[in-house]
Amino acid sequence: MFDVWYGPGVLSDKPEVRVKEVQDDKHRLVRIARPVMYDEKNVVDVCYEVLVINKKSNETKMINETHHMRYFFRPELEFYLKNAGFELVDNLDCMTLGKTGYDSWTSYFVAKAV
């Protein structure tokens, strides 16, 4: 069993810039995620910029990193699994555990050895 970014959902609800903010007594963190899509490779580079702000001194640190995210489609995973000696049993929406669709961004895939 493994999970992936599910291609139909990613392409129908494309990644967009997102900002998330959290804080505690000492620090405020602001995370900005900027996606760059490479449709010819089925890849999204999610470029993160994290600001760590000391609430007392206002000193700010910046952290940058990129997550290279590949999204997959059921037929290609069936092909890869078969070539590796597995059979695809099912794939399920990670949020609902129901059938995947165009609104499914992530999917669990279940396979068994043959």
C-alpha atoms as a PDB file:
ATOM      1  CA  MET A   1       0.000   0.000   0.000  1.00  0.00           C
ATOM      2  CA  PHE A   2       1.288   3.449  -0.905  1.00  0.00           C
ATOM      3  CA  ASP A   3      -0.071   6.899  -1.564  1.00  0.00           C
ATOM      4  CA  VAL A   4       0.521   9.286  -4.457  1.00  0.00           C
ATOM      5  CA  TRP A   5      -0.573  12.593  -5.826  1.00  0.00           C
ATOM      6  CA  TYR A   6      -3.414  11.482  -8.116  1.00  0.00           C
ATOM      7  CA  GLY A   7      -3.094  12.913 -11.647  1.00  0.00           C
ATOM      8  CA  PRO A   8      -6.776  13.476 -12.504  1.00  0.00           C
ATOM      9  CA  GLY A   9      -7.316  15.498  -9.327  1.00  0.00           C
ATOM     10  CA  VAL A  10      -4.088  17.484  -9.674  1.00  0.00           C
ATOM     11  CA  LEU A  11      -4.894  18.448 -13.269  1.00  0.00           C
ATOM     12  CA  SER A  12      -8.540  19.351 -12.618  1.00  0.00           C
ATOM     13  CA  ASP A  13      -7.736  21.441  -9.506  1.00  0.00           C
ATOM     14  CA  LYS A  14      -4.276  22.716 -10.336  1.00  0.00           C
ATOM     15  CA  PRO A  15      -1.856  23.650  -7.562  1.00  0.00           C
ATOM     16  CA  GLU A  16      -1.882  27.330  -6.646  1.00  0.00           C
ATOM     17  CA  VAL A  17      -0.007  29.668  -4.332  1.00  0.00           C
ATOM     18  CA  ARG A  18      -0.954  28.947  -0.723  1.00  0.00           C
ATOM     19  CA  VAL A  19      -0.022  30.737   2.478  1.00  0.00           C
ATOM     20  CA  LYS A  20      -0.179  29.151   5.916  1.00  0.00           C
ATOM     21  CA  GLU A  21       0.558  30.870   9.199  1.00  0.00           C
ATOM     22  CA  VAL A  22       1.037  29.385  12.676  1.00  0.00           C
ATOM     23  CA  GLN A  23       2.381  30.797  15.907  1.00  0.00           C
ATOM     24  CA  ASP A  24       3.175  30.094  19.516  1.00  0.00           C
ATOM     25  CA  ASP A  25       4.268  32.366  22.363  1.00  0.00           C
ATOM     26  CA  LYS A  26       7.735  32.979  20.892  1.00  0.00           C
ATOM     27  CA  HIS A  27       7.515  32.658  17.110  1.00  0.00           C
ATOM     28  CA  ARG A  28       5.282  33.271  14.138  1.00  0.00           C
ATOM     29  CA  LEU A  29       5.825  31.118  11.053  1.00  0.00           C
ATOM     30  CA  VAL A  30       4.585  32.055   7.618  1.00  0.00           C
ATOM     31  CA  ARG A  31       4.861  29.421   4.889  1.00  0.00           C
ATOM     32  CA  ILE A  32       4.339  30.377   1.259  1.00  0.00           C
ATOM     33  CA  ALA A  33       4.058  27.541  -1.254  1.00  0.00           C
ATOM     34  CA  ARG A  34       4.532  28.466  -4.911  1.00  0.00           C
ATOM     35  CA  PRO A  35       3.952  25.635  -7.399  1.00  0.00           C
ATOM     36  CA  VAL A  36       5.629  25.327 -10.780  1.00  0.00           C
ATOM     37  CA  MET A  37       4.014  22.704 -13.022  1.00  0.00           C
ATOM     38  CA  TYR A  38       5.880  20.679 -15.632  1.00  0.00           C
ATOM     39  CA  ASP A  39       3.084  18.964 -17.536  1.00  0.00           C
ATOM     40  CA  GLU A  40       5.412  17.122 -19.904  1.00  0.00           C
ATOM     41  CA  LYS A  41       6.927  15.324 -16.883  1.00  0.00           C
ATOM     42  CA  ASN A  42       3.828  15.022 -14.622  1.00  0.00           C
ATOM     43  CA  VAL A  43       5.767  16.934 -11.970  1.00  0.00           C
ATOM     44  CA  VAL A  44       5.096  19.920  -9.751  1.00  0.00           C
ATOM     45  CA  ASP A  45       7.940  21.696  -8.007  1.00  0.00           C
ATOM     46  CA  VAL A  46       6.481  23.168  -4.839  1.00  0.00           C
ATOM     47  CA  CYS A  47       8.794  26.011  -3.845  1.00  0.00           C
ATOM     48  CA  TYR A  48       8.470  26.764  -0.137  1.00  0.00           C
ATOM     49  CA  GLU A  49       9.513  29.969   1.544  1.00  0.00           C
ATOM     50  CA  VAL A  50       9.214  29.841   5.333  1.00  0.00           C
ATOM     51  CA  LEU A  51       9.598  32.958   7.433  1.00  0.00           C
ATOM     52  CA  VAL A  52      10.417  32.361  11.104  1.00  0.00           C
ATOM     53  CA  ILE A  53       9.711  35.553  13.018  1.00  0.00           C
ATOM     54  CA  ASN A  54      10.812  36.046  16.608  1.00  0.00           C
ATOM     55  CA  LYS A  55       7.860  37.843  18.177  1.00  0.00           C
ATOM     56  CA  LYS A  56       9.990  39.585  20.816  1.00  0.00           C
ATOM     57  CA  SER A  57      12.919  40.833  18.694  1.00  0.00           C
ATOM     58  CA  ASN A  58      11.233  40.827  15.258  1.00  0.00           C
ATOM     59  CA  GLU A  59      14.304  38.996  13.944  1.00  0.00           C
ATOM     60  CA  THR A  60      13.336  37.028  10.846  1.00  0.00           C
ATOM     61  CA  LYS A  61      14.930  33.908   9.359  1.00  0.00           C
ATOM     62  CA  MET A  62      14.059  32.675   5.901  1.00  0.00           C
ATOM     63  CA  ILE A  63      14.118  29.032   4.888  1.00  0.00           C
ATOM     64  CA  ASN A  64      13.736  27.997   1.227  1.00  0.00           C
ATOM     65  CA  GLU A  65      13.258  24.510  -0.124  1.00  0.00           C
ATOM     66  CA  THR A  66      11.725  22.833  -3.130  1.00  0.00           C
ATOM     67  CA  HIS A  67       9.686  19.627  -3.069  1.00  0.00           C
ATOM     68  CA  HIS A  68       9.787  17.827  -6.408  1.00  0.00           C
ATOM     69  CA  MET A  69       6.344  16.150  -6.531  1.00  0.00           C
ATOM     70  CA  ARG A  70       5.427  13.586  -9.173  1.00  0.00           C
ATOM     71  CA  TYR A  71       1.742  12.866  -9.815  1.00  0.00           C
ATOM     72  CA  PHE A  72       0.567   9.523 -11.174  1.00  0.00           C
ATOM     73  CA  PHE A  73      -2.307   7.992 -13.109  1.00  0.00           C
ATOM     74  CA  ARG A  74      -3.831   4.568 -12.481  1.00  0.00           C
ATOM     75  CA  PRO A  75      -2.874   3.010 -15.878  1.00  0.00           C
ATOM     76  CA  GLU A  76       0.806   3.835 -15.473  1.00  0.00           C
ATOM     77  CA  LEU A  77       0.913   2.493 -11.917  1.00  0.00           C
ATOM     78  CA  GLU A  78      -0.837  -0.694 -13.044  1.00  0.00           C
ATOM     79  CA  PHE A  79       1.884  -1.047 -15.688  1.00  0.00           C
ATOM     80  CA  TYR A  80       4.752  -0.450 -13.215  1.00  0.00           C
ATOM     81  CA  LEU A  81       3.233  -2.790 -10.639  1.00  0.00           C
ATOM     82  CA  LYS A  82       2.728  -5.565 -13.214  1.00  0.00           C
ATOM     83  CA  ASN A  83       6.339  -5.244 -14.375  1.00  0.00           C
ATOM     84  CA  ALA A  84       7.460  -5.548 -10.737  1.00  0.00           C
ATOM     85  CA  GLY A  85       5.395  -8.696 -10.117  1.00  0.00           C
ATOM     86  CA  PHE A  86       2.387  -7.097  -8.435  1.00  0.00           C
ATOM     87  CA  GLU A  87      -1.287  -6.809  -9.237  1.00  0.00           C
ATOM     88  CA  LEU A  88      -3.224  -3.641  -8.472  1.00  0.00           C
ATOM     89  CA  VAL A  89      -6.084  -4.469  -6.117  1.00  0.00           C
ATOM     90  CA  ASP A  90      -7.627  -1.002  -5.783  1.00  0.00           C
ATOM     91  CA  ASN A  91      -7.025   2.695  -5.379  1.00  0.00           C
ATOM     92  CA  LEU A  92      -8.965   4.894  -2.982  1.00  0.00           C
ATOM     93  CA  ASP A  93      -9.314   8.598  -2.265  1.00  0.00           C
ATOM     94  CA  CYS A  94      -7.085   9.342   0.754  1.00  0.00           C
ATOM     95  CA  MET A  95      -9.607  11.702   2.350  1.00  0.00           C
ATOM     96  CA  THR A  96     -12.817   9.681   1.957  1.00  0.00           C
ATOM     97  CA  LEU A  97     -11.542   6.129   1.338  1.00  0.00           C
ATOM     98  CA  GLY A  98     -14.096   6.083  -1.478  1.00  0.00           C
ATOM     99  CA  LYS A  99     -13.712   5.962  -5.232  1.00  0.00           C
ATOM    100  CA  THR A 100     -11.139   8.348  -6.686  1.00  0.00           C
ATOM    101  CA  GLY A 101     -12.254  11.042  -9.096  1.00  0.00           C
ATOM    102  CA  TYR A 102     -11.390  14.415 -10.514  1.00  0.00           C
ATOM    103  CA  ASP A 103     -11.635  15.903  -7.028  1.00  0.00           C
ATOM    104  CA  SER A 104      -9.122  13.424  -5.532  1.00  0.00           C
ATOM    105  CA  TRP A 105      -5.711  14.997  -5.035  1.00  0.00           C
ATOM    106  CA  THR A 106      -4.247  12.003  -3.250  1.00  0.00           C
ATOM    107  CA  SER A 107      -4.912   8.302  -3.616  1.00  0.00           C
ATOM    108  CA  TYR A 108      -3.961   5.141  -1.775  1.00  0.00           C
ATOM    109  CA  PHE A 109      -2.944   2.298  -4.070  1.00  0.00           C
ATOM    110  CA  VAL A 110      -3.190  -1.283  -2.830  1.00  0.00           C
ATOM    111  CA  ALA A 111      -1.339  -4.077  -4.609  1.00  0.00           C
ATOM    112  CA  LYS A 112      -0.516  -7.723  -4.006  1.00  0.00           C
ATOM    113  CA  ALA A 113       2.306  -9.935  -5.178  1.00  0.00           C
ATOM    114  CA  VAL A 114       1.394 -12.383  -7.950  1.00  0.00           C
END
